[in-house]
Amino acid sequence: MRWSEFAEKELIDVSGGERIGSVGQADLLIDPQTGEIYSLLLTVGSSWFGKKQGTREVIWNHIKKIGPEMVIVDSGNKYR
């Protein structure tokens, strides 16, 4: 799968039944030794002036299924 296809998908947490965010708006944490993706960092909320409220980290191993429109994540509601 190409990044352009993956970036269009929505992240859904199956544990809480909530939309986490869009893959395309996430930053990637990559292990510099192996080149593997460790996690996705998503900005949570923003104010009127574009000030970021915080981030959520979705560990790559918590991704359970990549479907045609969404990515299912089972975080157990444990975000960093």
PDB file of N, CA and C in Angstrom:
ATOM      1  N   MET A   1       0.848  -1.171   0.000  1.00  0.00           N
ATOM      2  CA  MET A   1       0.000   0.000   0.000  1.00  0.00           C
ATOM      3  C   MET A   1       0.891   1.231   0.000  1.00  0.00           C
ATOM      4  N   ARG A   2       0.546   2.190  -0.799  1.00  0.00           N
ATOM      5  CA  ARG A   2       1.283   3.457  -0.865  1.00  0.00           C
ATOM      6  C   ARG A   2       0.849   4.379   0.276  1.00  0.00           C
ATOM      7  N   TRP A   3       1.763   5.292   0.651  1.00  0.00           N
ATOM      8  CA  TRP A   3       1.460   6.231   1.726  1.00  0.00           C
ATOM      9  C   TRP A   3       0.248   7.083   1.371  1.00  0.00           C
ATOM     10  N   SER A   4       0.115   7.482   0.120  1.00  0.00           N
ATOM     11  CA  SER A   4      -1.011   8.333  -0.290  1.00  0.00           C
ATOM     12  C   SER A   4      -2.349   7.634  -0.047  1.00  0.00           C
ATOM     13  N   GLU A   5      -2.394   6.318  -0.205  1.00  0.00           N
ATOM     14  CA  GLU A   5      -3.612   5.553   0.075  1.00  0.00           C
ATOM     15  C   GLU A   5      -3.835   5.430   1.580  1.00  0.00           C
ATOM     16  N   PHE A   6      -2.770   5.165   2.325  1.00  0.00           N
ATOM     17  CA  PHE A   6      -2.860   4.992   3.776  1.00  0.00           C
ATOM     18  C   PHE A   6      -3.238   6.303   4.469  1.00  0.00           C
ATOM     19  N   ALA A   7      -2.716   7.415   3.963  1.00  0.00           N
ATOM     20  CA  ALA A   7      -2.931   8.717   4.593  1.00  0.00           C
ATOM     21  C   ALA A   7      -4.385   9.173   4.547  1.00  0.00           C
ATOM     22  N   GLU A   8      -5.183   8.639   3.633  1.00  0.00           N
ATOM     23  CA  GLU A   8      -6.588   9.035   3.515  1.00  0.00           C
ATOM     24  C   GLU A   8      -7.485   8.377   4.550  1.00  0.00           C
ATOM     25  N   LYS A   9      -6.988   7.407   5.285  1.00  0.00           N
ATOM     26  CA  LYS A   9      -7.810   6.620   6.193  1.00  0.00           C
ATOM     27  C   LYS A   9      -7.989   7.284   7.557  1.00  0.00           C
ATOM     28  N   GLU A  10      -9.110   6.979   8.198  1.00  0.00           N
ATOM     29  CA  GLU A  10      -9.413   7.461   9.545  1.00  0.00           C
ATOM     30  C   GLU A  10      -8.966   6.420  10.562  1.00  0.00           C
ATOM     31  N   LEU A  11      -8.450   6.865  11.696  1.00  0.00           N
ATOM     32  CA  LEU A  11      -8.084   5.975  12.791  1.00  0.00           C
ATOM     33  C   LEU A  11      -9.270   5.861  13.745  1.00  0.00           C
ATOM     34  N   ILE A  12      -9.713   4.636  14.012  1.00  0.00           N
ATOM     35  CA  ILE A  12     -10.836   4.377  14.905  1.00  0.00           C
ATOM     36  C   ILE A  12     -10.357   3.472  16.022  1.00  0.00           C
ATOM     37  N   ASP A  13     -10.622   3.874  17.275  1.00  0.00           N
ATOM     38  CA  ASP A  13     -10.264   3.058  18.437  1.00  0.00           C
ATOM     39  C   ASP A  13     -11.431   2.143  18.775  1.00  0.00           C
ATOM     40  N   VAL A  14     -11.235   0.850  18.627  1.00  0.00           N
ATOM     41  CA  VAL A  14     -12.296  -0.119  18.876  1.00  0.00           C
ATOM     42  C   VAL A  14     -12.610  -0.208  20.381  1.00  0.00           C
ATOM     43  N   SER A  15     -11.646   0.085  21.245  1.00  0.00           N
ATOM     44  CA  SER A  15     -11.872   0.009  22.687  1.00  0.00           C
ATOM     45  C   SER A  15     -12.863   1.059  23.166  1.00  0.00           C
ATOM     46  N   GLY A  16     -12.699   2.279  22.685  1.00  0.00           N
ATOM     47  CA  GLY A  16     -13.571   3.371  23.114  1.00  0.00           C
ATOM     48  C   GLY A  16     -14.645   3.720  22.105  1.00  0.00           C
ATOM     49  N   GLY A  17     -14.565   3.122  20.914  1.00  0.00           N
ATOM     50  CA  GLY A  17     -15.535   3.422  19.867  1.00  0.00           C
ATOM     51  C   GLY A  17     -15.471   4.859  19.393  1.00  0.00           C
ATOM     52  N   GLU A  18     -14.285   5.434  19.388  1.00  0.00           N
ATOM     53  CA  GLU A  18     -14.152   6.843  19.005  1.00  0.00           C
ATOM     54  C   GLU A  18     -13.197   7.017  17.837  1.00  0.00           C
ATOM     55  N   ARG A  19     -13.398   8.114  17.132  1.00  0.00           N
ATOM     56  CA  ARG A  19     -12.505   8.508  16.051  1.00  0.00           C
ATOM     57  C   ARG A  19     -11.287   9.163  16.682  1.00  0.00           C
ATOM     58  N   ILE A  20     -10.113   8.664  16.354  1.00  0.00           N
ATOM     59  CA  ILE A  20      -8.879   9.228  16.893  1.00  0.00           C
ATOM     60  C   ILE A  20      -8.388  10.368  16.022  1.00  0.00           C
ATOM     61  N   GLY A  21      -8.450  10.195  14.718  1.00  0.00           N
ATOM     62  CA  GLY A  21      -7.985  11.220  13.795  1.00  0.00           C
ATOM     63  C   GLY A  21      -7.695  10.632  12.436  1.00  0.00           C
ATOM     64  N   SER A  22      -7.060  11.413  11.608  1.00  0.00           N
ATOM     65  CA  SER A  22      -6.721  11.008  10.251  1.00  0.00           C
ATOM     66  C   SER A  22      -5.245  10.620  10.187  1.00  0.00           C
ATOM     67  N   VAL A  23      -4.950   9.538   9.503  1.00  0.00           N
ATOM     68  CA  VAL A  23      -3.567   9.088   9.364  1.00  0.00           C
ATOM     69  C   VAL A  23      -2.718  10.169   8.695  1.00  0.00           C
ATOM     70  N   GLY A  24      -3.285  10.860   7.712  1.00  0.00           N
ATOM     71  CA  GLY A  24      -2.542  11.882   6.976  1.00  0.00           C
ATOM     72  C   GLY A  24      -2.115  13.067   7.809  1.00  0.00           C
ATOM     73  N   GLN A  25      -2.739  13.273   8.967  1.00  0.00           N
ATOM     74  CA  GLN A  25      -2.381  14.378   9.841  1.00  0.00           C
ATOM     75  C   GLN A  25      -1.459  13.949  10.975  1.00  0.00           C
ATOM     76  N   ALA A  26      -1.012  12.705  10.932  1.00  0.00           N
ATOM     77  CA  ALA A  26      -0.154  12.173  11.987  1.00  0.00           C
ATOM     78  C   ALA A  26       1.315  12.324  11.622  1.00  0.00           C
ATOM     79  N   ASP A  27       2.135  12.432  12.655  1.00  0.00           N
ATOM     80  CA  ASP A  27       3.580  12.355  12.500  1.00  0.00           C
ATOM     81  C   ASP A  27       3.989  10.924  12.810  1.00  0.00           C
ATOM     82  N   LEU A  28       5.049  10.461  12.187  1.00  0.00           N
ATOM     83  CA  LEU A  28       5.537   9.109  12.422  1.00  0.00           C
ATOM     84  C   LEU A  28       6.760   9.142  13.323  1.00  0.00           C
ATOM     85  N   LEU A  29       6.804   8.218  14.283  1.00  0.00           N
ATOM     86  CA  LEU A  29       8.015   7.997  15.062  1.00  0.00           C
ATOM     87  C   LEU A  29       8.662   6.744  14.486  1.00  0.00           C
ATOM     88  N   ILE A  30       9.880   6.895  13.976  1.00  0.00           N
ATOM     89  CA  ILE A  30      10.568   5.802  13.294  1.00  0.00           C
ATOM     90  C   ILE A  30      11.837   5.453  14.060  1.00  0.00           C
ATOM     91  N   ASP A  31      12.051   4.165  14.258  1.00  0.00           N
ATOM     92  CA  ASP A  31      13.268   3.686  14.913  1.00  0.00           C
ATOM     93  C   ASP A  31      14.443   3.937  13.961  1.00  0.00           C
ATOM     94  N   PRO A  32      15.395   4.759  14.355  1.00  0.00           N
ATOM     95  CA  PRO A  32      16.500   5.089  13.443  1.00  0.00           C
ATOM     96  C   PRO A  32      17.422   3.913  13.158  1.00  0.00           C
ATOM     97  N   GLN A  33      17.448   2.921  14.033  1.00  0.00           N
ATOM     98  CA  GLN A  33      18.314   1.755  13.828  1.00  0.00           C
ATOM     99  C   GLN A  33      17.738   0.787  12.798  1.00  0.00           C
ATOM    100  N   THR A  34      16.412   0.558  12.871  1.00  0.00           N
ATOM    101  CA  THR A  34      15.793  -0.452  12.007  1.00  0.00           C
ATOM    102  C   THR A  34      14.982   0.141  10.859  1.00  0.00           C
ATOM    103  N   GLY A  35      14.570   1.407  10.988  1.00  0.00           N
ATOM    104  CA  GLY A  35      13.731   2.031   9.980  1.00  0.00           C
ATOM    105  C   GLY A  35      12.267   1.668  10.108  1.00  0.00           C
ATOM    106  N   GLU A  36      11.907   0.928  11.164  1.00  0.00           N
ATOM    107  CA  GLU A  36      10.521   0.525  11.378  1.00  0.00           C
ATOM    108  C   GLU A  36       9.718   1.650  12.019  1.00  0.00           C
ATOM    109  N   ILE A  37       8.445   1.722  11.662  1.00  0.00           N
ATOM    110  CA  ILE A  37       7.545   2.694  12.282  1.00  0.00           C
ATOM    111  C   ILE A  37       7.227   2.211  13.683  1.00  0.00           C
ATOM    112  N   TYR A  38       7.457   3.076  14.676  1.00  0.00           N
ATOM    113  CA  TYR A  38       7.155   2.729  16.063  1.00  0.00           C
ATOM    114  C   TYR A  38       5.742   3.159  16.442  1.00  0.00           C
ATOM    115  N   SER A  39       5.357   4.392  16.061  1.00  0.00           N
ATOM    116  CA  SER A  39       4.035   4.884  16.431  1.00  0.00           C
ATOM    117  C   SER A  39       3.622   6.061  15.543  1.00  0.00           C
ATOM    118  N   LEU A  40       2.339   6.420  15.673  1.00  0.00           N
ATOM    119  CA  LEU A  40       1.769   7.595  15.022  1.00  0.00           C
ATOM    120  C   LEU A  40       1.472   8.627  16.093  1.00  0.00           C
ATOM    121  N   LEU A  41       1.848   9.876  15.869  1.00  0.00           N
ATOM    122  CA  LEU A  41       1.547  10.965  16.796  1.00  0.00           C
ATOM    123  C   LEU A  41       0.484  11.859  16.169  1.00  0.00           C
ATOM    124  N   LEU A  42      -0.626  12.016  16.880  1.00  0.00           N
ATOM    125  CA  LEU A  42      -1.732  12.821  16.380  1.00  0.00           C
ATOM    126  C   LEU A  42      -1.960  14.017  17.283  1.00  0.00           C
ATOM    127  N   THR A  43      -2.218  15.162  16.684  1.00  0.00           N
ATOM    128  CA  THR A  43      -2.559  16.361  17.436  1.00  0.00           C
ATOM    129  C   THR A  43      -4.001  16.235  17.904  1.00  0.00           C
ATOM    130  N   VAL A  44      -4.222  16.502  19.181  1.00  0.00           N
ATOM    131  CA  VAL A  44      -5.560  16.424  19.755  1.00  0.00           C
ATOM    132  C   VAL A  44      -6.046  17.833  20.034  1.00  0.00           C
ATOM    133  N   GLY A  45      -7.128  18.208  19.348  1.00  0.00           N
ATOM    134  CA  GLY A  45      -7.734  19.521  19.576  1.00  0.00           C
ATOM    135  C   GLY A  45      -6.849  20.669  19.153  1.00  0.00           C
ATOM    136  N   SER A  46      -7.481  21.773  18.862  1.00  0.00           N
ATOM    137  CA  SER A  46      -6.757  23.001  18.568  1.00  0.00           C
ATOM    138  C   SER A  46      -7.674  24.176  18.882  1.00  0.00           C
ATOM    139  N   SER A  47      -7.074  25.286  19.213  1.00  0.00           N
ATOM    140  CA  SER A  47      -7.852  26.471  19.553  1.00  0.00           C
ATOM    141  C   SER A  47      -8.137  27.283  18.291  1.00  0.00           C
ATOM    142  N   TRP A  48      -8.832  28.384  18.452  1.00  0.00           N
ATOM    143  CA  TRP A  48      -9.148  29.270  17.328  1.00  0.00           C
ATOM    144  C   TRP A  48      -7.898  29.773  16.623  1.00  0.00           C
ATOM    145  N   PHE A  49      -6.822  29.901  17.366  1.00  0.00           N
ATOM    146  CA  PHE A  49      -5.606  30.479  16.809  1.00  0.00           C
ATOM    147  C   PHE A  49      -4.620  29.414  16.343  1.00  0.00           C
ATOM    148  N   GLY A  50      -5.079  28.153  16.240  1.00  0.00           N
ATOM    149  CA  GLY A  50      -4.238  27.080  15.743  1.00  0.00           C
ATOM    150  C   GLY A  50      -3.272  26.518  16.766  1.00  0.00           C
ATOM    151  N   LYS A  51      -3.423  26.926  18.036  1.00  0.00           N
ATOM    152  CA  LYS A  51      -2.539  26.425  19.076  1.00  0.00           C
ATOM    153  C   LYS A  51      -2.893  24.971  19.381  1.00  0.00           C
ATOM    154  N   LYS A  52      -1.887  24.104  19.371  1.00  0.00           N
ATOM    155  CA  LYS A  52      -2.107  22.684  19.626  1.00  0.00           C
ATOM    156  C   LYS A  52      -2.401  22.451  21.109  1.00  0.00           C
ATOM    157  N   GLN A  53      -3.374  21.598  21.388  1.00  0.00           N
ATOM    158  CA  GLN A  53      -3.754  21.286  22.760  1.00  0.00           C
ATOM    159  C   GLN A  53      -2.936  20.124  23.334  1.00  0.00           C
ATOM    160  N   GLY A  54      -2.545  19.184  22.514  1.00  0.00           N
ATOM    161  CA  GLY A  54      -1.779  18.029  22.976  1.00  0.00           C
ATOM    162  C   GLY A  54      -1.642  17.010  21.868  1.00  0.00           C
ATOM    163  N   THR A  55      -1.058  15.868  22.205  1.00  0.00           N
ATOM    164  CA  THR A  55      -0.880  14.814  21.222  1.00  0.00           C
ATOM    165  C   THR A  55      -1.317  13.474  21.799  1.00  0.00           C
ATOM    166  N   ARG A  56      -1.646  12.560  20.909  1.00  0.00           N
ATOM    167  CA  ARG A  56      -1.915  11.173  21.255  1.00  0.00           C
ATOM    168  C   ARG A  56      -0.944  10.322  20.473  1.00  0.00           C
ATOM    169  N   GLU A  57      -0.393   9.331  21.142  1.00  0.00           N
ATOM    170  CA  GLU A  57       0.522   8.411  20.488  1.00  0.00           C
ATOM    171  C   GLU A  57      -0.180   7.076  20.308  1.00  0.00           C
ATOM    172  N   VAL A  58      -0.256   6.621  19.075  1.00  0.00           N
ATOM    173  CA  VAL A  58      -0.847   5.324  18.761  1.00  0.00           C
ATOM    174  C   VAL A  58       0.297   4.399  18.377  1.00  0.00           C
ATOM    175  N   ILE A  59       0.543   3.405  19.213  1.00  0.00           N
ATOM    176  CA  ILE A  59       1.619   2.461  18.977  1.00  0.00           C
ATOM    177  C   ILE A  59       1.285   1.619  17.743  1.00  0.00           C
ATOM    178  N   TRP A  60       2.236   1.448  16.856  1.00  0.00           N
ATOM    179  CA  TRP A  60       2.018   0.738  15.604  1.00  0.00           C
ATOM    180  C   TRP A  60       1.482  -0.678  15.843  1.00  0.00           C
ATOM    181  N   ASN A  61       1.952  -1.348  16.882  1.00  0.00           N
ATOM    182  CA  ASN A  61       1.502  -2.713  17.177  1.00  0.00           C
ATOM    183  C   ASN A  61       0.042  -2.772  17.624  1.00  0.00           C
ATOM    184  N   HIS A  62      -0.566  -1.635  17.962  1.00  0.00           N
ATOM    185  CA  HIS A  62      -1.973  -1.608  18.369  1.00  0.00           C
ATOM    186  C   HIS A  62      -2.917  -1.562  17.175  1.00  0.00           C
ATOM    187  N   ILE A  63      -2.372  -1.384  15.970  1.00  0.00           N
ATOM    188  CA  ILE A  63      -3.203  -1.406  14.760  1.00  0.00           C
ATOM    189  C   ILE A  63      -3.595  -2.851  14.493  1.00  0.00           C
ATOM    190  N   LYS A  64      -4.906  -3.096  14.436  1.00  0.00           N
ATOM    191  CA  LYS A  64      -5.411  -4.459  14.263  1.00  0.00           C
ATOM    192  C   LYS A  64      -5.868  -4.757  12.844  1.00  0.00           C
ATOM    193  N   LYS A  65      -6.392  -3.751  12.139  1.00  0.00           N
ATOM    194  CA  LYS A  65      -6.929  -3.994  10.798  1.00  0.00           C
ATOM    195  C   LYS A  65      -6.858  -2.711   9.992  1.00  0.00           C
ATOM    196  N   ILE A  66      -6.433  -2.830   8.740  1.00  0.00           N
ATOM    197  CA  ILE A  66      -6.431  -1.708   7.815  1.00  0.00           C
ATOM    198  C   ILE A  66      -7.460  -2.033   6.752  1.00  0.00           C
ATOM    199  N   GLY A  67      -8.563  -1.289   6.772  1.00  0.00           N
ATOM    200  CA  GLY A  67      -9.642  -1.515   5.826  1.00  0.00           C
ATOM    201  C   GLY A  67      -9.598  -0.508   4.696  1.00  0.00           C
ATOM    202  N   PRO A  68     -10.614  -0.553   3.814  1.00  0.00           N
ATOM    203  CA  PRO A  68     -10.629   0.351   2.666  1.00  0.00           C
ATOM    204  C   PRO A  68     -10.813   1.825   3.038  1.00  0.00           C
ATOM    205  N   GLU A  69     -11.440   2.113   4.183  1.00  0.00           N
ATOM    206  CA  GLU A  69     -11.690   3.501   4.572  1.00  0.00           C
ATOM    207  C   GLU A  69     -11.151   3.867   5.944  1.00  0.00           C
ATOM    208  N   MET A  70     -10.827   2.869   6.772  1.00  0.00           N
ATOM    209  CA  MET A  70     -10.398   3.176   8.129  1.00  0.00           C
ATOM    210  C   MET A  70      -9.366   2.191   8.637  1.00  0.00           C
ATOM    211  N   VAL A  71      -8.695   2.613   9.701  1.00  0.00           N
ATOM    212  CA  VAL A  71      -7.706   1.788  10.386  1.00  0.00           C
ATOM    213  C   VAL A  71      -8.247   1.533  11.785  1.00  0.00           C
ATOM    214  N   ILE A  72      -8.390   0.253  12.145  1.00  0.00           N
ATOM    215  CA  ILE A  72      -8.912  -0.122  13.452  1.00  0.00           C
ATOM    216  C   ILE A  72      -7.744  -0.295  14.415  1.00  0.00           C
ATOM    217  N   VAL A  73      -7.834   0.411  15.558  1.00  0.00           N
ATOM    218  CA  VAL A  73      -6.792   0.392  16.576  1.00  0.00           C
ATOM    219  C   VAL A  73      -7.412  -0.135  17.866  1.00  0.00           C
ATOM    220  N   ASP A  74      -6.708  -1.033  18.547  1.00  0.00           N
ATOM    221  CA  ASP A  74      -7.154  -1.507  19.852  1.00  0.00           C
ATOM    222  C   ASP A  74      -6.138  -1.041  20.881  1.00  0.00           C
ATOM    223  N   SER A  75      -6.367   0.135  21.424  1.00  0.00           N
ATOM    224  CA  SER A  75      -5.401   0.733  22.341  1.00  0.00           C
ATOM    225  C   SER A  75      -5.656   0.345  23.776  1.00  0.00           C
ATOM    226  N   GLY A  76      -6.823  -0.199  24.060  1.00  0.00           N
ATOM    227  CA  GLY A  76      -7.168  -0.467  25.454  1.00  0.00           C
ATOM    228  C   GLY A  76      -7.318   0.835  26.220  1.00  0.00           C
ATOM    229  N   ASN A  77      -7.561   1.951  25.475  1.00  0.00           N
ATOM    230  CA  ASN A  77      -7.685   3.304  26.034  1.00  0.00           C
ATOM    231  C   ASN A  77      -6.435   3.741  26.774  1.00  0.00           C
ATOM    232  N   LYS A  78      -5.294   3.197  26.395  1.00  0.00           N
ATOM    233  CA  LYS A  78      -4.032   3.584  27.019  1.00  0.00           C
ATOM    234  C   LYS A  78      -3.200   4.343  26.014  1.00  0.00           C
ATOM    235  N   TYR A  79      -3.337   5.646  26.010  1.00  0.00           N
ATOM    236  CA  TYR A  79      -2.547   6.510  25.140  1.00  0.00           C
ATOM    237  C   TYR A  79      -1.413   7.085  25.950  1.00  0.00           C
ATOM    238  N   ARG A  80      -0.341   7.380  25.304  1.00  0.00           N
ATOM    239  CA  ARG A  80       0.781   8.046  25.977  1.00  0.00           C
ATOM    240  C   ARG A  80       0.641   9.524  25.819  1.00  0.00           C
TER     241      ARG A  80
END
